Amino acid sequence: MILLVSVSARMLAELARREGHDVVAFDRFGDLDLQRLCPSVSLLRDLGGDGGMEALVDAADGHPARALVYGAGLENRPDLVERLAAGRALLGCSPRTLHRVRDPAVLAASLRSAGFAYPVTLAAADAPLRADRAARRWLRKPLRGGGGRGVRAWRGGRLPDGVVVQERIAGLPCSVAAVADGSAAVVLGLSEQLAGRRALGARGFTWCGNLAPPRLPAAERRALAGQAEAMCAHLAAAFGLRGLFGVDLVWDGDTAWVLEVNPRPTASLEVLDEVHGVRPFSAHVDACAGRLPPRPTAAVGAAGKAVVWATRDVRVPDTRDWPARGIRDVPHPGERISAGRPICTLVATGRTPDVVLADLEARAGALRARLHEAVEVDGVA
């Protein structure tokens, strides 16, 4: 049995069960569809609290599973990964790799030495009190963040420890998902990242989904794919990446600018599985044993996922039929969700990424409207 530990484990569990793997999941939410997939324990439902990753690891640590796959939230905590991996086969990057690849200074030096583009990135102590707005635009980012949380424009001023400022690159936010064996990598696919889309209830730089393939002209897609392959090959060799990993980047029409590396399974995998048929969970397990998959086939059609965010407090109705309607990360019937929290995830396929995005946003709008109507009827404030 494989132990899955992540902020949200539903996608990993779904991919694993679809591919025939026996898993148990520990995550924050304990969504309805996760509980239907495999044995699971959640912070909110089973452990009686809303603690951090330490509480989740405390609960998972005693499980007898002999292998470990970690997801979002643990790439920033190599100390917790080391705890979980004690006595288990670690299917993923080592704590030492996490330390190095999540360090912006180490990552920047490695990428630039190999000729790849990385934005100017400054630690809090090195950032000027007044930003040179005529020369560059800047973003303030948590050093150990994720999902766009805490990212905002920066125009100067003192910064606390634990944040960096990074040059803001104009272009299309994208991500590449790949799998590595510790020295070489195979790219599984490219996707466009959705962030801050009001139609999905998101604000600012908050991540809210992926589209595959990215909405780019064919020639630019090919150029981006070529740079992504070279970039992932370098990262795998330079950092000893093992298993699934992702690279967040901005495509400016000519160059892929790396923003960060996510050394664990990434959210785009279920989208890429739809268009490339990549069997990502099995690819992860095999790569950790030294077996890389063949290069995926060309994309067939388009696919996407969209996280729907609550813009006001809502209480969900009977959700037991939601999975059959293409809804994932399903809250339990009657669950109350506060403004600013994710409600669920929508998935869709279509002929083009534009068609897929239009479908996702229309469905998100209809869902949020129904939930708001229910709030008004029930008198939930």
Protein backbone atom coordinates (compact mmCIF):
# COMPACT_ATOMS: atom_id res chain seq x y z
CA MET A 1 0.00 0.00 0.00
CA ILE A 2 1.18 3.54 -0.83
CA LEU A 3 0.66 6.40 1.60
CA LEU A 4 -0.47 9.67 -0.02
CA VAL A 5 -0.01 12.88 1.97
CA SER A 6 -0.98 16.23 0.48
CA VAL A 7 -3.00 19.37 1.16
CA SER A 8 -5.54 17.84 -1.24
CA ALA A 9 -5.10 14.18 -2.14
CA ARG A 10 -8.13 13.55 -4.35
CA MET A 11 -6.36 13.89 -7.71
CA LEU A 12 -3.47 11.65 -6.66
CA ALA A 13 -5.87 9.05 -5.28
CA GLU A 14 -8.00 9.11 -8.41
CA LEU A 15 -5.02 8.68 -10.73
CA ALA A 16 -3.59 5.91 -8.54
CA ARG A 17 -6.82 3.92 -8.27
CA ARG A 18 -7.52 4.33 -12.00
CA GLU A 19 -4.11 2.78 -12.69
CA GLY A 20 -4.57 -0.09 -10.24
CA HIS A 21 -2.53 1.07 -7.23
CA ASP A 22 -3.55 0.43 -3.62
CA VAL A 23 -3.40 3.71 -1.67
CA VAL A 24 -4.44 5.38 1.56
CA ALA A 25 -4.77 9.19 1.67
CA PHE A 26 -4.15 11.82 4.35
CA ASP A 27 -5.16 15.36 3.42
CA ARG A 28 -6.80 18.52 4.69
CA PHE A 29 -10.29 18.33 3.19
CA GLY A 30 -11.58 14.73 3.12
CA ASP A 31 -13.74 15.46 0.08
CA LEU A 32 -16.70 13.22 -0.72
CA ASP A 33 -15.13 11.80 -3.88
CA LEU A 34 -11.81 11.11 -2.11
CA GLN A 35 -13.64 9.05 0.51
CA ARG A 36 -15.24 7.01 -2.27
CA LEU A 37 -11.85 6.30 -3.85
CA CYS A 38 -9.80 4.90 -0.99
CA PRO A 39 -9.36 4.83 2.81
CA SER A 40 -8.63 8.38 3.91
CA VAL A 41 -8.07 10.64 6.90
CA SER A 42 -8.55 14.41 6.85
CA LEU A 43 -7.62 17.26 9.14
CA LEU A 44 -11.06 18.86 9.00
CA ARG A 45 -13.25 15.75 9.17
CA ASP A 46 -11.38 13.15 11.16
CA LEU A 47 -8.83 14.99 13.27
CA GLY A 48 -11.13 17.72 14.57
CA GLY A 49 -9.14 20.75 13.53
CA ASP A 50 -7.71 23.02 10.88
CA GLY A 51 -4.03 22.54 11.72
CA GLY A 52 -1.08 22.78 9.38
CA MET A 53 1.05 20.19 7.66
CA GLU A 54 2.63 19.18 10.98
CA ALA A 55 -0.72 17.90 12.27
CA LEU A 56 -1.31 15.99 9.04
CA VAL A 57 2.11 14.40 9.20
CA ASP A 58 1.59 13.52 12.87
CA ALA A 59 -1.52 11.59 11.87
CA ALA A 60 0.02 9.90 8.82
CA ASP A 61 3.30 9.00 10.50
CA GLY A 62 1.91 6.00 12.32
CA HIS A 63 0.27 4.35 9.31
CA PRO A 64 1.84 1.00 8.33
CA ALA A 65 2.03 1.79 4.58
CA ARG A 66 5.49 0.87 3.28
CA ALA A 67 5.81 3.50 0.53
CA LEU A 68 5.22 7.27 0.42
CA VAL A 69 4.09 9.73 -2.25
CA TYR A 70 3.79 13.34 -1.09
CA GLY A 71 1.96 16.14 -2.84
CA ALA A 72 1.35 19.86 -2.52
CA GLY A 73 2.32 21.45 0.76
CA LEU A 74 5.27 19.20 1.55
CA GLU A 75 7.71 20.43 -1.10
CA ASN A 76 8.37 23.32 1.30
CA ARG A 77 8.87 21.05 4.32
CA PRO A 78 11.79 18.68 3.73
CA ASP A 79 11.90 18.07 7.47
CA LEU A 80 8.39 16.59 7.37
CA VAL A 81 9.16 14.55 4.26
CA GLU A 82 12.16 13.08 6.09
CA ARG A 83 9.90 12.10 8.99
CA LEU A 84 7.34 10.44 6.74
CA ALA A 85 10.00 8.62 4.71
CA ALA A 86 11.60 6.99 7.75
CA GLY A 87 11.06 3.23 7.35
CA ARG A 88 9.28 3.69 4.01
CA ALA A 89 10.25 3.69 0.35
CA LEU A 90 10.26 7.36 -0.68
CA LEU A 91 8.62 7.69 -4.09
CA GLY A 92 9.69 11.23 -4.94
CA CYS A 93 12.45 13.75 -4.45
CA SER A 94 14.67 13.49 -1.39
CA PRO A 95 14.69 16.12 1.37
CA ARG A 96 18.13 17.27 0.19
CA THR A 97 16.77 17.84 -3.32
CA LEU A 98 13.85 19.81 -1.90
CA HIS A 99 16.23 22.08 0.02
CA ARG A 100 18.25 22.86 -3.10
CA VAL A 101 15.64 23.17 -5.84
CA ARG A 102 13.31 25.32 -3.72
CA ASP A 103 16.11 27.78 -2.94
CA PRO A 104 15.73 30.67 -5.46
CA ALA A 105 19.43 31.54 -5.37
CA VAL A 106 20.55 27.97 -6.05
CA LEU A 107 17.92 27.51 -8.76
CA ALA A 108 18.80 30.81 -10.46
CA ALA A 109 22.52 30.01 -10.53
CA SER A 110 21.92 26.57 -12.02
CA LEU A 111 19.50 27.74 -14.71
CA ARG A 112 21.52 30.78 -15.77
CA SER A 113 24.74 28.76 -15.98
CA ALA A 114 22.98 26.51 -18.50
CA GLY A 115 21.59 29.41 -20.53
CA PHE A 116 18.00 29.37 -19.30
CA ALA A 117 16.04 32.51 -18.36
CA TYR A 118 15.22 33.25 -14.73
CA PRO A 119 13.83 36.62 -13.54
CA VAL A 120 15.79 38.88 -11.21
CA THR A 121 14.88 37.62 -7.74
CA LEU A 122 15.93 39.33 -4.51
CA ALA A 123 15.77 38.25 -0.89
CA ALA A 124 13.95 40.57 1.51
CA ALA A 125 17.23 41.92 2.90
CA ASP A 126 18.51 42.77 -0.60
CA ALA A 127 15.39 44.43 -1.98
CA PRO A 128 15.63 48.21 -2.40
CA LEU A 129 13.30 50.39 -0.35
CA ARG A 130 12.17 52.11 -3.55
CA ALA A 131 11.44 50.00 -6.63
CA ASP A 132 12.69 51.27 -9.97
CA ARG A 133 9.31 51.15 -11.67
CA ALA A 134 10.60 52.60 -14.92
CA ALA A 135 12.99 49.68 -15.40
CA ARG A 136 11.01 46.70 -14.03
CA ARG A 137 7.75 45.64 -12.48
CA TRP A 138 8.02 43.50 -9.37
CA LEU A 139 6.08 40.87 -7.46
CA ARG A 140 6.31 40.09 -3.78
CA LYS A 141 6.14 36.32 -3.16
CA PRO A 142 6.35 34.04 -0.13
CA LEU A 143 9.59 32.11 -0.18
CA ARG A 144 7.75 28.92 0.73
CA GLY A 145 4.39 29.55 -0.92
CA GLY A 146 2.19 27.78 -3.42
CA GLY A 147 -0.86 28.26 -5.62
CA GLY A 148 -0.29 32.00 -5.97
CA ARG A 149 -1.28 32.63 -2.36
CA GLY A 150 0.36 35.73 -0.91
CA VAL A 151 1.66 36.95 -4.29
CA ARG A 152 1.03 40.61 -5.04
CA ALA A 153 2.54 43.61 -6.80
CA TRP A 154 5.46 45.26 -5.01
CA ARG A 155 6.37 48.91 -5.39
CA GLY A 156 9.01 49.22 -2.70
CA GLY A 157 9.18 49.30 1.08
CA ARG A 158 10.55 47.12 3.82
CA LEU A 159 9.90 43.39 3.60
CA PRO A 160 9.70 40.76 6.34
CA ASP A 161 11.82 37.63 6.31
CA GLY A 162 10.36 34.73 4.36
CA VAL A 163 9.49 36.67 1.20
CA VAL A 164 11.30 37.51 -2.03
CA VAL A 165 10.69 40.07 -4.74
CA GLN A 166 10.82 38.87 -8.31
CA GLU A 167 10.76 40.70 -11.61
CA ARG A 168 7.35 40.37 -13.22
CA ILE A 169 7.66 38.92 -16.73
CA ALA A 170 4.98 39.77 -19.29
CA GLY A 171 3.58 36.75 -21.11
CA LEU A 172 1.42 33.65 -20.80
CA PRO A 173 1.69 31.72 -17.49
CA CYS A 174 2.32 28.07 -18.29
CA SER A 175 3.58 24.94 -16.61
CA VAL A 176 5.38 21.84 -17.77
CA ALA A 177 4.90 18.46 -16.09
CA ALA A 178 7.70 15.93 -16.34
CA VAL A 179 9.00 12.76 -14.72
CA ALA A 180 12.62 12.04 -13.84
CA ASP A 181 14.75 9.10 -12.73
CA GLY A 182 17.39 11.10 -10.86
CA SER A 183 19.41 12.06 -13.93
CA ALA A 184 17.16 12.26 -17.00
CA ALA A 185 13.59 13.45 -17.62
CA VAL A 186 10.65 12.93 -19.95
CA VAL A 187 8.18 15.77 -20.47
CA LEU A 188 4.58 14.59 -20.05
CA GLY A 189 2.94 17.76 -21.33
CA LEU A 190 2.45 21.51 -21.23
CA SER A 191 -0.48 23.45 -19.89
CA GLU A 192 -1.59 27.04 -19.50
CA GLN A 193 -2.08 28.15 -15.92
CA LEU A 194 -5.28 29.96 -14.97
CA ALA A 195 -4.92 32.56 -12.23
CA GLY A 196 -7.14 35.22 -10.73
CA ARG A 197 -10.05 34.64 -13.13
CA ARG A 198 -13.14 36.42 -11.82
CA ALA A 199 -15.47 34.02 -13.61
CA LEU A 200 -14.11 31.32 -11.29
CA GLY A 201 -14.32 33.52 -8.20
CA ALA A 202 -10.53 33.89 -7.96
CA ARG A 203 -8.69 37.15 -7.28
CA GLY A 204 -5.16 38.44 -7.70
CA PHE A 205 -2.64 35.75 -8.56
CA THR A 206 -4.57 32.84 -7.03
CA TRP A 207 -4.17 29.68 -9.11
CA CYS A 208 -7.51 28.39 -10.35
CA GLY A 209 -6.81 25.74 -12.98
CA ASN A 210 -5.01 24.50 -16.09
CA LEU A 211 -5.69 24.21 -19.81
CA ALA A 212 -3.96 21.81 -22.16
CA PRO A 213 -2.63 22.57 -24.63
CA PRO A 214 -1.81 26.27 -23.93
CA ARG A 215 -3.61 28.87 -26.03
CA LEU A 216 -0.64 29.65 -28.27
CA PRO A 217 -0.01 29.53 -32.04
CA ALA A 218 1.29 26.14 -33.20
CA ALA A 219 4.79 27.47 -33.89
CA GLU A 220 5.05 28.94 -30.38
CA ARG A 221 3.80 25.71 -28.82
CA ARG A 222 6.57 23.82 -30.60
CA ALA A 223 9.19 26.35 -29.52
CA LEU A 224 7.96 26.23 -25.93
CA ALA A 225 7.97 22.42 -25.96
CA GLY A 226 11.57 22.34 -27.17
CA GLN A 227 12.74 24.71 -24.47
CA ALA A 228 10.75 22.81 -21.84
CA GLU A 229 12.41 19.52 -22.77
CA ALA A 230 15.89 21.03 -22.51
CA MET A 231 15.02 22.77 -19.25
CA CYS A 232 13.61 19.62 -17.60
CA ALA A 233 16.61 17.55 -18.72
CA HIS A 234 18.94 20.08 -17.09
CA LEU A 235 16.94 20.26 -13.86
CA ALA A 236 16.76 16.47 -13.49
CA ALA A 237 20.52 16.12 -13.87
CA ALA A 238 21.48 19.19 -11.83
CA PHE A 239 19.24 18.47 -8.83
CA GLY A 240 18.73 14.72 -8.98
CA LEU A 241 14.96 15.07 -9.39
CA ARG A 242 13.09 11.81 -9.01
CA GLY A 243 9.48 11.09 -9.95
CA LEU A 244 6.91 13.63 -11.10
CA PHE A 245 7.78 17.32 -10.99
CA GLY A 246 6.58 20.57 -12.51
CA VAL A 247 8.07 23.84 -13.67
CA ASP A 248 6.07 27.07 -13.51
CA LEU A 249 7.09 29.49 -16.24
CA VAL A 250 6.06 32.48 -18.30
CA TRP A 251 6.23 32.31 -22.10
CA ASP A 252 6.96 35.74 -23.59
CA GLY A 253 6.51 34.65 -27.21
CA ASP A 254 10.15 33.71 -27.63
CA THR A 255 11.60 32.56 -24.30
CA ALA A 256 10.41 30.42 -21.39
CA TRP A 257 11.18 32.20 -18.11
CA VAL A 258 11.31 29.78 -15.20
CA LEU A 259 9.55 31.02 -12.05
CA GLU A 260 9.90 28.00 -9.78
CA VAL A 261 10.20 24.23 -9.68
CA ASN A 262 7.60 22.09 -7.91
CA PRO A 263 9.39 18.83 -7.04
CA ARG A 264 6.25 16.69 -6.57
CA PRO A 265 3.14 15.69 -8.59
CA THR A 266 1.42 18.79 -9.97
CA ALA A 267 -2.22 19.76 -10.46
CA SER A 268 -2.08 19.64 -14.27
CA LEU A 269 -1.59 15.86 -14.38
CA GLU A 270 -5.24 14.89 -14.68
CA VAL A 271 -5.61 17.39 -17.54
CA LEU A 272 -2.57 15.99 -19.36
CA ASP A 273 -3.81 12.46 -18.83
CA GLU A 274 -6.96 13.40 -20.77
CA VAL A 275 -5.11 14.77 -23.83
CA HIS A 276 -1.96 12.60 -23.85
CA GLY A 277 -2.97 9.41 -21.99
CA VAL A 278 0.19 9.56 -19.89
CA ARG A 279 -0.76 7.34 -16.86
CA PRO A 280 1.06 9.75 -14.53
CA PHE A 281 0.91 7.86 -11.25
CA SER A 282 2.45 4.73 -12.75
CA ALA A 283 5.04 6.91 -14.48
CA HIS A 284 5.93 8.34 -11.06
CA VAL A 285 6.33 4.93 -9.42
CA ASP A 286 8.32 3.54 -12.35
CA ALA A 287 10.62 6.56 -12.60
CA CYS A 288 11.49 6.28 -8.92
CA ALA A 289 12.61 2.72 -9.72
CA GLY A 290 14.73 3.99 -12.63
CA ARG A 291 12.29 3.33 -15.49
CA LEU A 292 11.24 6.35 -17.57
CA PRO A 293 8.17 6.19 -19.85
CA PRO A 294 8.31 6.81 -23.59
CA ARG A 295 7.57 10.31 -24.84
CA PRO A 296 3.77 10.86 -24.82
CA THR A 297 1.76 10.92 -28.00
CA ALA A 298 0.61 14.19 -29.56
CA ALA A 299 -2.31 15.89 -27.84
CA VAL A 300 -5.79 14.81 -28.91
CA GLY A 301 -8.28 17.65 -28.42
CA ALA A 302 -8.09 19.79 -25.30
CA ALA A 303 -8.85 19.45 -21.61
CA GLY A 304 -9.01 21.66 -18.56
CA LYS A 305 -9.74 21.92 -14.88
CA ALA A 306 -11.02 24.92 -12.97
CA VAL A 307 -11.17 25.50 -9.23
CA VAL A 308 -14.37 27.33 -8.27
CA TRP A 309 -13.82 29.75 -5.37
CA ALA A 310 -16.47 31.04 -2.99
CA THR A 311 -16.92 34.83 -3.12
CA ARG A 312 -19.32 34.73 -0.17
CA ASP A 313 -20.23 32.22 2.53
CA VAL A 314 -22.26 29.37 1.06
CA ARG A 315 -23.82 26.11 2.17
CA VAL A 316 -23.81 23.36 -0.46
CA PRO A 317 -26.89 21.22 -1.20
CA ASP A 318 -26.95 17.45 -1.74
CA THR A 319 -23.70 16.85 -3.66
CA ARG A 320 -23.78 13.08 -4.01
CA ASP A 321 -24.39 13.27 -7.77
CA TRP A 322 -21.70 15.89 -8.43
CA PRO A 323 -18.94 13.43 -9.46
CA ALA A 324 -21.17 12.11 -12.26
CA ARG A 325 -21.53 15.70 -13.52
CA GLY A 326 -17.80 16.25 -14.04
CA ILE A 327 -17.25 17.85 -10.62
CA ARG A 328 -14.28 16.86 -8.46
CA ASP A 329 -13.04 17.73 -4.95
CA VAL A 330 -16.67 17.51 -3.91
CA PRO A 331 -17.77 18.97 -0.55
CA HIS A 332 -20.14 16.95 1.60
CA PRO A 333 -23.91 17.62 1.55
CA GLY A 334 -24.76 20.60 3.74
CA GLU A 335 -21.15 21.65 4.15
CA ARG A 336 -20.60 25.34 4.80
CA ILE A 337 -17.79 26.99 2.82
CA SER A 338 -16.46 30.42 3.74
CA ALA A 339 -15.75 33.19 1.26
CA GLY A 340 -12.26 32.90 -0.18
CA ARG A 341 -12.20 29.09 0.08
CA PRO A 342 -12.38 26.58 -2.81
CA ILE A 343 -15.79 25.03 -3.41
CA CYS A 344 -14.93 22.30 -5.90
CA THR A 345 -13.06 21.56 -9.13
CA LEU A 346 -14.64 21.27 -12.58
CA VAL A 347 -13.09 19.17 -15.35
CA ALA A 348 -13.91 19.31 -19.06
CA THR A 349 -12.73 18.20 -22.48
CA GLY A 350 -13.36 19.76 -25.86
CA ARG A 351 -12.08 20.46 -29.34
CA THR A 352 -9.91 23.45 -28.41
CA PRO A 353 -8.67 25.04 -25.17
CA ASP A 354 -10.86 28.10 -25.84
CA VAL A 355 -13.95 25.88 -26.02
CA VAL A 356 -12.92 24.11 -22.82
CA LEU A 357 -12.33 27.36 -20.93
CA ALA A 358 -15.68 28.80 -22.03
CA ASP A 359 -17.41 25.63 -20.84
CA LEU A 360 -15.63 25.67 -17.47
CA GLU A 361 -16.39 29.33 -16.80
CA ALA A 362 -20.05 28.97 -17.81
CA ARG A 363 -20.49 25.97 -15.52
CA ALA A 364 -18.70 27.74 -12.69
CA GLY A 365 -20.97 30.76 -13.01
CA ALA A 366 -24.10 28.61 -13.02
CA LEU A 367 -22.92 26.64 -9.99
CA ARG A 368 -22.08 29.72 -7.94
CA ALA A 369 -25.42 31.33 -8.86
CA ARG A 370 -27.31 28.26 -7.63
CA LEU A 371 -25.33 28.22 -4.39
CA HIS A 372 -25.98 31.92 -3.81
CA GLU A 373 -29.70 31.39 -4.39
CA ALA A 374 -29.66 28.58 -1.82
CA VAL A 375 -27.95 30.89 0.68
CA GLU A 376 -30.67 33.51 0.25
CA VAL A 377 -33.43 30.93 0.65
CA ASP A 378 -31.86 29.32 3.73
CA GLY A 379 -30.82 32.61 5.28
CA VAL A 380 -27.14 31.76 5.60
CA ALA A 381 -25.21 34.97 6.22
